[in-house]
Amino acid sequence: MSKRESQKPTFRVLFVCTGNSCRSPMAEGILRKLLNEKGREDIEVQSAGTGGFHGLPASEFAQEVAGEHGVDLSDHRSQPLTEDLLKWADLVLVMDSSHEQFIRTHFPAFRENVFLLKKFDRKKKNPESTDIEDPIGFGKDMYEAVFDELNREIRRILPRILQLAGEKRRESGRDG
């Protein structure tokens, strides 16, 4: 095996919400499914929470709604946001402005790679809210609305993620 094959370059995306039990696991699952459909193994995806515990499953409604759309969250276990995860990530996509502020305050060295999901790679100003609402404590209908919004946004940015992964792969190929 060549050196290049053994050190396959990878682009890494981290989704961040509050508890890592609803929004970010659904986002992680959606992007993983889309990447699998495209046969892209060069992009890794994880999620974390700014106030999350370690090892909890995705919420019941998050698992149920995601499952109805072919996204399996049964293996998801929550993890708190750490400096190591931020070092790991090439791109950090947060669900609302409080997560962005949390990272700016607690991990200021990483703010260059942090974007609100709904603002990332948007050509014009988005007049509507830039936050993806937290469905925790609401019914299944709210989870469905959040899943639909996440799905729409992730499909919108997927071409840019693929482009960034390709650029990183080309840069790594020149270095190796």
Protein backbone atom coordinates (compact mmCIF):
# COMPACT_ATOMS: atom_id res chain seq x y z
CA MET A 1 0.00 0.00 0.00
CA SER A 2 1.35 3.41 -0.90
CA LYS A 3 1.82 6.19 1.63
CA ARG A 4 -0.97 8.14 -0.02
CA GLU A 5 -3.45 5.26 0.26
CA SER A 6 -2.63 4.64 3.93
CA GLN A 7 -3.13 8.32 4.80
CA LYS A 8 -6.40 8.93 3.03
CA PRO A 9 -7.25 12.63 3.44
CA THR A 10 -10.51 13.29 5.18
CA PHE A 11 -12.70 16.34 5.49
CA ARG A 12 -14.47 16.55 8.84
CA VAL A 13 -17.80 18.20 9.66
CA LEU A 14 -19.03 18.78 13.21
CA PHE A 15 -22.63 19.76 13.99
CA VAL A 16 -23.25 21.48 17.34
CA CYS A 17 -26.45 22.06 19.30
CA THR A 18 -27.17 22.30 23.03
CA GLY A 19 -27.67 18.78 24.36
CA ASN A 20 -26.58 16.70 21.35
CA SER A 21 -29.85 14.80 21.57
CA CYS A 22 -32.07 16.33 18.86
CA ARG A 23 -30.85 18.82 16.24
CA SER A 24 -27.18 17.95 15.85
CA PRO A 25 -27.73 14.15 15.79
CA MET A 26 -30.45 14.58 13.14
CA ALA A 27 -28.13 16.84 11.12
CA GLU A 28 -25.27 14.34 11.48
CA GLY A 29 -27.55 11.51 10.36
CA ILE A 30 -28.88 13.44 7.36
CA LEU A 31 -25.40 14.35 6.12
CA ARG A 32 -24.12 10.80 6.65
CA LYS A 33 -27.04 9.41 4.63
CA LEU A 34 -26.45 11.87 1.77
CA LEU A 35 -22.72 11.10 1.74
CA ASN A 36 -23.40 7.34 1.72
CA GLU A 37 -25.76 7.79 -1.22
CA LYS A 38 -22.95 9.53 -3.10
CA GLY A 39 -20.36 6.93 -2.06
CA ARG A 40 -18.26 9.58 -0.31
CA GLU A 41 -16.03 7.99 2.31
CA ASP A 42 -13.61 10.92 2.44
CA ILE A 43 -15.91 13.00 4.65
CA GLU A 44 -16.42 12.24 8.34
CA VAL A 45 -19.30 13.63 10.40
CA GLN A 46 -19.83 13.98 14.14
CA SER A 47 -22.02 16.01 16.46
CA ALA A 48 -21.68 17.46 19.95
CA GLY A 49 -23.49 19.66 22.45
CA THR A 50 -22.50 22.82 24.26
CA GLY A 51 -24.34 21.63 27.37
CA GLY A 52 -24.61 17.96 26.67
CA PHE A 53 -23.82 14.91 28.73
CA HIS A 54 -21.72 12.03 27.51
CA GLY A 55 -23.31 8.79 26.31
CA LEU A 56 -27.03 9.55 26.05
CA PRO A 57 -29.07 8.35 23.05
CA ALA A 58 -30.84 10.72 20.69
CA SER A 59 -34.27 11.72 21.97
CA GLU A 60 -37.16 9.39 21.26
CA PHE A 61 -38.87 11.77 18.79
CA ALA A 62 -35.57 12.54 17.04
CA GLN A 63 -35.00 8.81 16.50
CA GLU A 64 -38.59 8.23 15.40
CA VAL A 65 -38.78 11.12 12.93
CA ALA A 66 -35.30 10.48 11.51
CA GLY A 67 -36.13 6.78 11.12
CA GLU A 68 -39.23 7.64 9.11
CA HIS A 69 -36.89 9.38 6.65
CA GLY A 70 -34.39 6.53 6.46
CA VAL A 71 -31.91 8.05 8.93
CA ASP A 72 -30.93 5.66 11.72
CA LEU A 73 -29.96 7.37 14.99
CA SER A 74 -30.09 4.24 17.17
CA ASP A 75 -26.30 4.16 17.61
CA HIS A 76 -25.99 7.86 18.46
CA ARG A 77 -24.52 8.70 21.86
CA SER A 78 -24.23 12.31 22.99
CA GLN A 79 -20.92 13.99 23.62
CA PRO A 80 -20.02 17.39 25.00
CA LEU A 81 -18.21 19.87 22.78
CA THR A 82 -14.47 19.79 23.50
CA GLU A 83 -11.33 21.43 22.22
CA ASP A 84 -10.28 18.09 20.72
CA LEU A 85 -13.48 17.91 18.67
CA LEU A 86 -12.95 21.46 17.44
CA LYS A 87 -9.35 20.57 16.48
CA TRP A 88 -10.68 17.49 14.65
CA ALA A 89 -13.23 19.47 12.60
CA ASP A 90 -12.57 21.31 9.36
CA LEU A 91 -16.06 22.81 9.43
CA VAL A 92 -18.27 23.44 12.49
CA LEU A 93 -21.96 24.08 11.83
CA VAL A 94 -24.03 25.33 14.76
CA MET A 95 -27.79 25.38 15.13
CA ASP A 96 -28.27 28.79 16.67
CA SER A 97 -26.45 31.94 17.69
CA SER A 98 -26.06 30.81 21.31
CA HIS A 99 -23.84 27.94 20.14
CA GLU A 100 -21.78 30.29 18.02
CA GLN A 101 -21.37 32.61 21.03
CA PHE A 102 -20.46 29.68 23.29
CA ILE A 103 -17.60 28.69 20.98
CA ARG A 104 -16.42 32.30 20.60
CA THR A 105 -16.33 32.65 24.39
CA HIS A 106 -14.93 29.27 25.44
CA PHE A 107 -12.87 28.32 22.38
CA PRO A 108 -11.92 31.60 20.65
CA ALA A 109 -9.08 30.02 18.65
CA PHE A 110 -11.60 28.01 16.62
CA ARG A 111 -14.07 30.69 15.58
CA GLU A 112 -12.81 30.87 11.97
CA ASN A 113 -14.32 27.47 11.12
CA VAL A 114 -17.64 28.03 12.93
CA PHE A 115 -20.80 28.96 11.03
CA LEU A 116 -24.50 29.09 11.66
CA LEU A 117 -25.91 26.28 9.52
CA LYS A 118 -28.55 28.54 7.96
CA LYS A 119 -25.96 31.22 7.10
CA PHE A 120 -23.22 28.96 5.74
CA ASP A 121 -22.54 29.44 2.02
CA ARG A 122 -25.59 31.64 1.53
CA LYS A 123 -25.05 34.15 -1.26
CA LYS A 124 -27.51 36.74 -0.04
CA LYS A 125 -28.71 37.81 3.36
CA ASN A 126 -31.35 35.51 4.76
CA PRO A 127 -34.23 37.70 5.99
CA GLU A 128 -35.76 34.96 8.13
CA SER A 129 -34.37 33.64 11.41
CA THR A 130 -30.91 32.15 11.24
CA ASP A 131 -31.60 29.84 14.17
CA ILE A 132 -32.92 26.30 13.95
CA GLU A 133 -35.38 25.97 16.81
CA ASP A 134 -34.77 23.45 19.57
CA PRO A 135 -37.60 20.87 19.53
CA ILE A 136 -36.84 19.49 23.00
CA GLY A 137 -39.99 19.43 25.10
CA PHE A 138 -42.30 19.72 22.09
CA GLY A 139 -44.29 17.08 20.24
CA LYS A 140 -43.46 14.99 17.21
CA ASP A 141 -44.76 17.68 14.82
CA MET A 142 -42.03 20.06 15.99
CA TYR A 143 -39.36 17.39 15.45
CA GLU A 144 -40.71 16.78 11.96
CA ALA A 145 -40.52 20.50 11.17
CA VAL A 146 -36.95 20.69 12.49
CA PHE A 147 -35.93 17.57 10.56
CA ASP A 148 -37.39 19.04 7.36
CA GLU A 149 -35.54 22.32 7.92
CA LEU A 150 -32.26 20.50 8.62
CA ASN A 151 -32.72 18.32 5.55
CA ARG A 152 -33.36 21.36 3.35
CA GLU A 153 -30.35 23.25 4.70
CA ILE A 154 -27.94 20.30 4.50
CA ARG A 155 -29.01 19.52 0.93
CA ARG A 156 -28.44 23.21 0.11
CA ILE A 157 -24.87 23.19 1.44
CA LEU A 158 -23.90 19.68 0.34
CA PRO A 159 -22.28 20.88 -2.92
CA ARG A 160 -20.07 23.27 -0.93
CA ILE A 161 -19.06 20.55 1.54
CA LEU A 162 -18.14 18.27 -1.38
CA GLN A 163 -16.15 21.11 -2.95
CA LEU A 164 -14.26 21.79 0.30
CA ALA A 165 -13.49 18.07 0.69
CA GLY A 166 -12.15 17.95 -2.86
CA GLU A 167 -9.95 20.99 -2.24
CA LYS A 168 -8.53 19.42 0.93
CA ARG A 169 -7.88 16.14 -0.90
CA ARG A 170 -6.01 17.97 -3.68
CA GLU A 171 -3.95 19.95 -1.16
CA SER A 172 -3.08 16.77 0.73
CA GLY A 173 -2.12 15.04 -2.52
CA ARG A 174 0.39 17.79 -3.33
CA ASP A 175 1.85 17.62 0.17
CA GLY A 176 2.19 13.82 0.16
